[in-house]
């Protein structure tokens, strides 16, 4: 899996397996995680990291990848991502943003249960409400 950037017009793609997929429109300039074959087949450019030589910013040959095999306690990141996406009101991008701040499911649950305010999380109000309902038992 690698990160790709859409430099063309908006493209509608199917993401997921045949029996468990969803359609997503990838807009111009949007970044998406796809397998190498799919990303190149859609004509997307590989997102690379930027480096710096002196005062000049240069593009390196290192490819940005999403590390979904991070060794953390609790459930694996991609299972947590799938769980978040299954919650009504949370899409793939929002789930990825949540995982950036709370990579471990237990950390998110601990933060939710420790606070009395539904907006204690660093997300939009509607996202906080959805997470509060889903994980505050």
N, C-alpha and C. Protein backbone atom coordinates (compact mmCIF):
# COMPACT_ATOMS: atom_id res chain seq x y z
N UNK A 1 0.84 -1.17 0.00
CA UNK A 1 0.00 0.00 0.00
C UNK A 1 0.90 1.24 0.00
N UNK A 2 0.46 2.22 -0.77
CA UNK A 2 1.21 3.47 -0.86
C UNK A 2 0.23 4.62 -0.95
N UNK A 3 0.69 5.82 -0.70
CA UNK A 3 -0.13 7.00 -0.82
C UNK A 3 0.01 7.56 -2.22
N UNK A 4 -1.12 7.89 -2.84
CA UNK A 4 -1.14 8.46 -4.17
C UNK A 4 -1.86 9.80 -4.13
N UNK A 5 -1.52 10.68 -5.06
CA UNK A 5 -2.18 11.97 -5.18
C UNK A 5 -2.81 12.07 -6.56
N UNK A 6 -4.04 12.56 -6.61
CA UNK A 6 -4.76 12.70 -7.87
C UNK A 6 -4.42 14.06 -8.48
N UNK A 7 -3.67 14.06 -9.57
CA UNK A 7 -3.32 15.31 -10.24
C UNK A 7 -4.25 15.63 -11.40
N UNK A 8 -5.17 14.72 -11.72
CA UNK A 8 -6.12 14.92 -12.81
C UNK A 8 -7.46 15.40 -12.26
N UNK A 9 -8.50 15.14 -13.02
CA UNK A 9 -9.85 15.50 -12.60
C UNK A 9 -10.38 14.51 -11.58
N UNK A 10 -11.56 14.78 -11.00
CA UNK A 10 -12.16 13.87 -10.02
C UNK A 10 -12.39 12.48 -10.63
N UNK A 11 -12.11 11.46 -9.85
CA UNK A 11 -12.25 10.07 -10.29
C UNK A 11 -13.03 9.31 -9.24
N UNK A 12 -14.02 8.52 -9.67
CA UNK A 12 -14.78 7.69 -8.76
C UNK A 12 -14.16 6.30 -8.77
N UNK A 13 -13.74 5.82 -7.58
CA UNK A 13 -13.09 4.51 -7.50
C UNK A 13 -13.78 3.64 -6.45
N UNK A 14 -13.62 2.33 -6.61
CA UNK A 14 -14.15 1.39 -5.63
C UNK A 14 -13.02 1.00 -4.71
N UNK A 15 -13.26 1.10 -3.41
CA UNK A 15 -12.25 0.79 -2.41
C UNK A 15 -12.76 -0.37 -1.55
N UNK A 16 -11.91 -1.35 -1.34
CA UNK A 16 -12.26 -2.49 -0.50
C UNK A 16 -12.33 -3.77 -1.30
N UNK A 17 -12.78 -4.82 -0.65
CA UNK A 17 -12.91 -6.12 -1.29
C UNK A 17 -14.27 -6.22 -1.96
N UNK A 18 -14.44 -7.22 -2.80
CA UNK A 18 -15.67 -7.36 -3.59
C UNK A 18 -16.92 -7.42 -2.74
N UNK A 19 -16.88 -8.11 -1.62
CA UNK A 19 -18.07 -8.23 -0.78
C UNK A 19 -18.14 -7.18 0.33
N UNK A 20 -17.14 -6.33 0.45
CA UNK A 20 -17.11 -5.31 1.49
C UNK A 20 -16.39 -4.08 0.94
N UNK A 21 -17.10 -3.31 0.12
CA UNK A 21 -16.46 -2.16 -0.52
C UNK A 21 -17.35 -0.93 -0.45
N UNK A 22 -16.78 0.20 -0.82
CA UNK A 22 -17.53 1.45 -0.93
C UNK A 22 -16.94 2.26 -2.06
N UNK A 23 -17.73 3.16 -2.60
CA UNK A 23 -17.29 4.03 -3.69
C UNK A 23 -16.85 5.35 -3.11
N UNK A 24 -15.77 5.88 -3.63
CA UNK A 24 -15.25 7.16 -3.17
C UNK A 24 -14.85 8.00 -4.38
N UNK A 25 -15.14 9.28 -4.32
CA UNK A 25 -14.70 10.20 -5.36
C UNK A 25 -13.42 10.86 -4.89
N UNK A 26 -12.37 10.68 -5.66
CA UNK A 26 -11.08 11.27 -5.33
C UNK A 26 -10.95 12.56 -6.14
N UNK A 27 -10.96 13.68 -5.45
CA UNK A 27 -10.91 14.98 -6.10
C UNK A 27 -9.48 15.34 -6.48
N UNK A 28 -9.35 16.36 -7.30
CA UNK A 28 -8.03 16.83 -7.72
C UNK A 28 -7.24 17.28 -6.49
N UNK A 29 -6.01 16.79 -6.37
CA UNK A 29 -5.14 17.15 -5.26
C UNK A 29 -5.35 16.32 -4.00
N UNK A 30 -6.34 15.44 -4.01
CA UNK A 30 -6.63 14.62 -2.84
C UNK A 30 -5.68 13.43 -2.77
N UNK A 31 -5.34 13.04 -1.55
CA UNK A 31 -4.43 11.92 -1.32
C UNK A 31 -5.25 10.71 -0.91
N UNK A 32 -4.88 9.54 -1.47
CA UNK A 32 -5.60 8.31 -1.17
C UNK A 32 -4.59 7.17 -1.01
N UNK A 33 -4.93 6.20 -0.15
CA UNK A 33 -4.08 5.03 0.05
C UNK A 33 -4.62 3.89 -0.81
N UNK A 34 -3.79 3.40 -1.72
CA UNK A 34 -4.16 2.31 -2.62
C UNK A 34 -2.98 1.37 -2.80
N UNK A 35 -3.28 0.20 -3.36
CA UNK A 35 -2.18 -0.69 -3.72
C UNK A 35 -1.44 -0.06 -4.90
N UNK A 36 -0.22 -0.47 -5.10
CA UNK A 36 0.62 0.09 -6.15
C UNK A 36 -0.05 -0.09 -7.52
N UNK A 37 -0.60 -1.28 -7.77
CA UNK A 37 -1.21 -1.57 -9.07
C UNK A 37 -2.43 -0.68 -9.33
N UNK A 38 -3.31 -0.57 -8.32
CA UNK A 38 -4.53 0.23 -8.49
C UNK A 38 -4.20 1.71 -8.68
N UNK A 39 -3.31 2.23 -7.86
CA UNK A 39 -2.96 3.64 -7.94
C UNK A 39 -2.39 4.01 -9.30
N UNK A 40 -1.51 3.18 -9.82
CA UNK A 40 -0.93 3.45 -11.14
C UNK A 40 -1.95 3.24 -12.24
N UNK A 41 -2.86 2.26 -12.08
CA UNK A 41 -3.90 2.02 -13.08
C UNK A 41 -4.85 3.20 -13.20
N UNK A 42 -5.15 3.88 -12.10
CA UNK A 42 -6.01 5.06 -12.13
C UNK A 42 -5.27 6.30 -12.63
N UNK A 43 -3.97 6.20 -12.80
CA UNK A 43 -3.19 7.32 -13.29
C UNK A 43 -2.78 8.31 -12.21
N UNK A 44 -2.85 7.90 -10.95
CA UNK A 44 -2.45 8.77 -9.85
C UNK A 44 -0.94 8.81 -9.75
N UNK A 45 -0.43 9.89 -9.16
CA UNK A 45 1.01 10.03 -8.92
C UNK A 45 1.34 9.54 -7.52
N UNK A 46 2.49 8.92 -7.38
CA UNK A 46 2.93 8.46 -6.07
C UNK A 46 3.31 9.67 -5.24
N UNK A 47 2.77 9.75 -4.01
CA UNK A 47 3.10 10.86 -3.12
C UNK A 47 4.46 10.58 -2.51
N UNK A 48 5.37 11.50 -2.69
CA UNK A 48 6.71 11.33 -2.14
C UNK A 48 6.93 12.35 -1.03
N UNK A 49 7.92 12.09 -0.22
CA UNK A 49 8.23 13.03 0.85
C UNK A 49 9.12 14.14 0.31
N UNK A 50 9.20 15.22 1.06
CA UNK A 50 10.06 16.33 0.66
C UNK A 50 11.26 16.37 1.58
N UNK A 51 12.39 16.72 1.01
CA UNK A 51 13.61 16.89 1.78
C UNK A 51 14.14 18.29 1.55
N UNK A 52 15.27 18.60 2.12
CA UNK A 52 15.82 19.93 1.95
C UNK A 52 17.32 19.83 1.77
N UNK A 53 17.82 20.50 0.74
CA UNK A 53 19.26 20.62 0.51
C UNK A 53 19.56 22.11 0.57
N UNK A 54 20.25 22.50 1.63
CA UNK A 54 20.50 23.93 1.83
C UNK A 54 19.18 24.65 2.03
N UNK A 55 18.92 25.67 1.20
CA UNK A 55 17.68 26.42 1.28
C UNK A 55 16.63 25.92 0.29
N UNK A 56 17.00 24.93 -0.52
CA UNK A 56 16.11 24.45 -1.57
C UNK A 56 15.35 23.19 -1.11
N UNK A 57 14.02 23.20 -1.26
CA UNK A 57 13.19 22.05 -0.94
C UNK A 57 13.16 21.15 -2.16
N UNK A 58 13.49 19.88 -1.98
CA UNK A 58 13.53 18.93 -3.08
C UNK A 58 12.63 17.74 -2.78
N UNK A 59 12.19 17.05 -3.83
CA UNK A 59 11.39 15.85 -3.67
C UNK A 59 12.34 14.66 -3.61
N UNK A 60 12.17 13.83 -2.60
CA UNK A 60 13.04 12.66 -2.46
C UNK A 60 12.40 11.46 -3.14
N UNK A 61 13.15 10.39 -3.29
CA UNK A 61 12.62 9.18 -3.89
C UNK A 61 11.96 8.28 -2.87
N UNK A 62 11.96 8.68 -1.62
CA UNK A 62 11.32 7.90 -0.58
C UNK A 62 9.81 8.05 -0.73
N UNK A 63 9.10 6.93 -0.71
CA UNK A 63 7.66 6.94 -0.89
C UNK A 63 6.97 6.92 0.46
N UNK A 64 5.97 7.82 0.65
CA UNK A 64 5.17 7.80 1.87
C UNK A 64 4.27 6.58 1.85
N UNK A 65 4.25 5.83 2.92
CA UNK A 65 3.35 4.69 3.04
C UNK A 65 2.60 4.80 4.34
N UNK A 66 1.46 4.17 4.39
CA UNK A 66 0.68 4.13 5.62
C UNK A 66 1.07 2.86 6.34
N UNK A 67 1.50 3.00 7.56
CA UNK A 67 1.95 1.84 8.33
C UNK A 67 0.77 1.30 9.12
N UNK A 68 0.11 0.28 8.56
CA UNK A 68 -1.04 -0.29 9.25
C UNK A 68 -0.67 -1.51 10.06
N UNK A 69 0.61 -1.76 10.21
CA UNK A 69 1.07 -2.89 11.02
C UNK A 69 1.84 -2.39 12.23
N UNK A 70 1.50 -1.21 12.71
CA UNK A 70 2.17 -0.63 13.87
C UNK A 70 1.97 -1.56 15.06
N UNK A 71 3.04 -1.84 15.78
CA UNK A 71 2.95 -2.73 16.94
C UNK A 71 2.56 -1.89 18.15
N UNK A 72 1.28 -1.89 18.45
CA UNK A 72 0.78 -1.18 19.61
C UNK A 72 -0.10 -2.14 20.39
N UNK A 73 -0.24 -1.91 21.69
CA UNK A 73 -1.13 -2.78 22.45
C UNK A 73 -2.57 -2.59 21.97
N UNK A 74 -3.36 -3.62 22.09
CA UNK A 74 -4.75 -3.54 21.65
C UNK A 74 -4.91 -4.09 20.25
N UNK A 75 -5.99 -3.70 19.59
CA UNK A 75 -6.26 -4.23 18.25
C UNK A 75 -5.37 -3.55 17.22
N UNK A 76 -5.04 -4.23 16.11
CA UNK A 76 -4.21 -3.61 15.07
C UNK A 76 -4.87 -2.36 14.49
N UNK A 77 -4.06 -1.45 13.97
CA UNK A 77 -4.55 -0.17 13.46
C UNK A 77 -5.59 -0.35 12.37
N UNK A 78 -5.37 -1.28 11.43
CA UNK A 78 -6.34 -1.40 10.35
C UNK A 78 -7.67 -1.96 10.85
N UNK A 79 -7.66 -2.78 11.91
CA UNK A 79 -8.93 -3.25 12.48
C UNK A 79 -9.64 -2.11 13.20
N UNK A 80 -8.86 -1.26 13.88
CA UNK A 80 -9.44 -0.09 14.55
C UNK A 80 -10.03 0.87 13.52
N UNK A 81 -9.33 1.04 12.39
CA UNK A 81 -9.82 1.89 11.31
C UNK A 81 -11.14 1.35 10.78
N UNK A 82 -11.22 0.05 10.57
CA UNK A 82 -12.44 -0.58 10.08
C UNK A 82 -13.58 -0.40 11.08
N UNK A 83 -13.26 -0.54 12.38
CA UNK A 83 -14.26 -0.37 13.43
C UNK A 83 -14.81 1.05 13.43
N UNK A 84 -13.90 2.03 13.32
CA UNK A 84 -14.34 3.43 13.30
C UNK A 84 -15.21 3.72 12.08
N UNK A 85 -14.83 3.18 10.93
CA UNK A 85 -15.61 3.40 9.70
C UNK A 85 -17.00 2.77 9.78
N UNK A 86 -17.16 1.76 10.62
CA UNK A 86 -18.46 1.11 10.75
C UNK A 86 -19.42 1.92 11.62
N UNK A 87 -18.92 2.91 12.33
CA UNK A 87 -19.77 3.77 13.16
C UNK A 87 -20.47 4.77 12.25
N UNK A 88 -21.80 4.83 12.36
CA UNK A 88 -22.57 5.75 11.52
C UNK A 88 -22.18 7.19 11.83
N UNK A 89 -21.79 7.92 10.79
CA UNK A 89 -21.39 9.31 10.94
C UNK A 89 -19.89 9.53 10.86
N UNK A 90 -19.12 8.44 10.77
CA UNK A 90 -17.67 8.55 10.66
C UNK A 90 -17.23 7.91 9.35
N UNK A 91 -16.60 8.70 8.50
CA UNK A 91 -16.10 8.21 7.22
C UNK A 91 -14.63 7.86 7.32
N UNK A 92 -14.09 7.45 6.20
CA UNK A 92 -12.69 6.99 6.15
C UNK A 92 -11.71 8.10 6.57
N UNK A 93 -11.89 9.32 6.04
CA UNK A 93 -10.96 10.41 6.35
C UNK A 93 -11.02 10.78 7.83
N UNK A 94 -12.23 10.85 8.38
CA UNK A 94 -12.39 11.18 9.80
C UNK A 94 -11.76 10.10 10.66
N UNK A 95 -11.97 8.83 10.27
CA UNK A 95 -11.37 7.71 11.02
C UNK A 95 -9.85 7.80 11.00
N UNK A 96 -9.28 8.14 9.85
CA UNK A 96 -7.82 8.28 9.76
C UNK A 96 -7.33 9.43 10.64
N UNK A 97 -8.10 10.53 10.70
CA UNK A 97 -7.74 11.65 11.57
C UNK A 97 -7.79 11.25 13.05
N UNK A 98 -8.79 10.44 13.40
CA UNK A 98 -8.91 9.97 14.78
C UNK A 98 -7.71 9.10 15.14
N UNK A 99 -7.31 8.22 14.21
CA UNK A 99 -6.20 7.31 14.47
C UNK A 99 -4.87 8.06 14.57
N UNK A 100 -4.74 9.20 13.88
CA UNK A 100 -3.52 9.99 14.01
C UNK A 100 -3.33 10.49 15.44
N UNK A 101 -4.45 10.82 16.10
CA UNK A 101 -4.38 11.35 17.46
C UNK A 101 -4.46 10.22 18.50
N UNK A 102 -5.30 9.22 18.23
CA UNK A 102 -5.47 8.08 19.14
C UNK A 102 -5.20 6.79 18.37
N UNK A 103 -3.92 6.40 18.20
CA UNK A 103 -3.61 5.19 17.42
C UNK A 103 -4.04 3.90 18.11
N UNK A 104 -4.30 3.96 19.40
CA UNK A 104 -4.73 2.78 20.14
C UNK A 104 -6.17 2.99 20.60
N UNK A 105 -7.02 2.03 20.32
CA UNK A 105 -8.45 2.11 20.65
C UNK A 105 -8.67 2.40 22.13
N UNK A 106 -7.89 1.75 22.99
CA UNK A 106 -8.05 1.89 24.43
C UNK A 106 -7.78 3.33 24.89
N UNK A 107 -6.85 4.03 24.23
CA UNK A 107 -6.56 5.43 24.59
C UNK A 107 -7.78 6.30 24.32
N UNK A 108 -8.44 6.07 23.19
CA UNK A 108 -9.64 6.84 22.85
C UNK A 108 -10.75 6.58 23.86
N UNK A 109 -10.98 5.33 24.17
CA UNK A 109 -12.04 4.97 25.13
C UNK A 109 -11.73 5.55 26.50
N UNK A 110 -10.48 5.49 26.92
CA UNK A 110 -10.06 6.03 28.21
C UNK A 110 -10.32 7.54 28.27
N UNK A 111 -9.99 8.25 27.20
CA UNK A 111 -10.20 9.70 27.14
C UNK A 111 -11.69 10.04 27.19
N UNK A 112 -12.50 9.26 26.47
CA UNK A 112 -13.95 9.52 26.45
C UNK A 112 -14.55 9.28 27.83
N UNK A 113 -14.19 8.17 28.45
CA UNK A 113 -14.78 7.82 29.75
C UNK A 113 -14.27 8.69 30.89
N UNK A 114 -13.08 9.28 30.73
CA UNK A 114 -12.52 10.13 31.78
C UNK A 114 -13.13 11.53 31.79
N UNK A 115 -13.74 11.94 30.69
CA UNK A 115 -14.28 13.30 30.61
C UNK A 115 -15.80 13.29 30.79
N UNK A 116 -16.30 14.40 31.29
CA UNK A 116 -17.75 14.55 31.44
C UNK A 116 -18.34 15.37 30.31
N UNK A 117 -17.50 16.05 29.57
CA UNK A 117 -17.93 16.89 28.46
C UNK A 117 -17.83 16.11 27.15
N UNK A 118 -18.88 16.13 26.35
CA UNK A 118 -18.86 15.39 25.08
C UNK A 118 -17.88 16.00 24.10
N UNK A 119 -17.51 17.26 24.29
CA UNK A 119 -16.58 17.92 23.37
C UNK A 119 -15.15 17.96 23.91
N UNK A 120 -14.78 17.01 24.73
CA UNK A 120 -13.43 16.98 25.30
C UNK A 120 -12.41 16.50 24.28
N UNK A 121 -12.85 15.87 23.22
CA UNK A 121 -11.93 15.37 22.19
C UNK A 121 -11.59 16.48 21.21
N UNK A 122 -10.42 16.42 20.58
CA UNK A 122 -10.00 17.49 19.66
C UNK A 122 -10.56 17.31 18.24
N UNK A 123 -11.88 17.10 18.14
CA UNK A 123 -12.53 16.92 16.85
C UNK A 123 -13.74 17.83 16.77
N UNK A 124 -14.37 17.86 15.59
CA UNK A 124 -15.59 18.66 15.44
C UNK A 124 -16.67 18.13 16.38
N UNK A 125 -17.62 18.99 16.69
CA UNK A 125 -18.65 18.66 17.67
C UNK A 125 -19.45 17.42 17.29
N UNK A 126 -19.83 17.30 16.01
CA UNK A 126 -20.63 16.15 15.60
C UNK A 126 -19.82 14.85 15.69
N UNK A 127 -18.53 14.90 15.41
CA UNK A 127 -17.68 13.72 15.54
C UNK A 127 -17.54 13.34 17.01
N UNK A 128 -17.38 14.32 17.88
CA UNK A 128 -17.28 14.06 19.32
C UNK A 128 -18.55 13.38 19.82
N UNK A 129 -19.71 13.87 19.36
CA UNK A 129 -20.99 13.29 19.80
C UNK A 129 -21.11 11.84 19.35
N UNK A 130 -20.74 11.55 18.12
CA UNK A 130 -20.83 10.18 17.59
C UNK A 130 -19.89 9.25 18.37
N UNK A 131 -18.65 9.69 18.61
CA UNK A 131 -17.70 8.86 19.37
C UNK A 131 -18.17 8.66 20.80
N UNK A 132 -18.73 9.72 21.38
CA UNK A 132 -19.23 9.64 22.76
C UNK A 132 -20.31 8.57 22.86
N UNK A 133 -21.26 8.58 21.92
CA UNK A 133 -22.34 7.60 21.91
C UNK A 133 -21.81 6.19 21.68
N UNK A 134 -20.82 6.05 20.82
CA UNK A 134 -20.32 4.72 20.46
C UNK A 134 -19.48 4.07 21.57
N UNK A 135 -18.70 4.88 22.29
CA UNK A 135 -17.75 4.30 23.23
C UNK A 135 -18.00 4.61 24.70
N UNK A 136 -18.96 5.42 25.03
CA UNK A 136 -19.23 5.74 26.42
C UNK A 136 -20.36 4.84 26.92
N UNK A 137 -19.98 3.71 27.47
CA UNK A 137 -20.97 2.72 27.92
C UNK A 137 -21.33 2.92 29.36
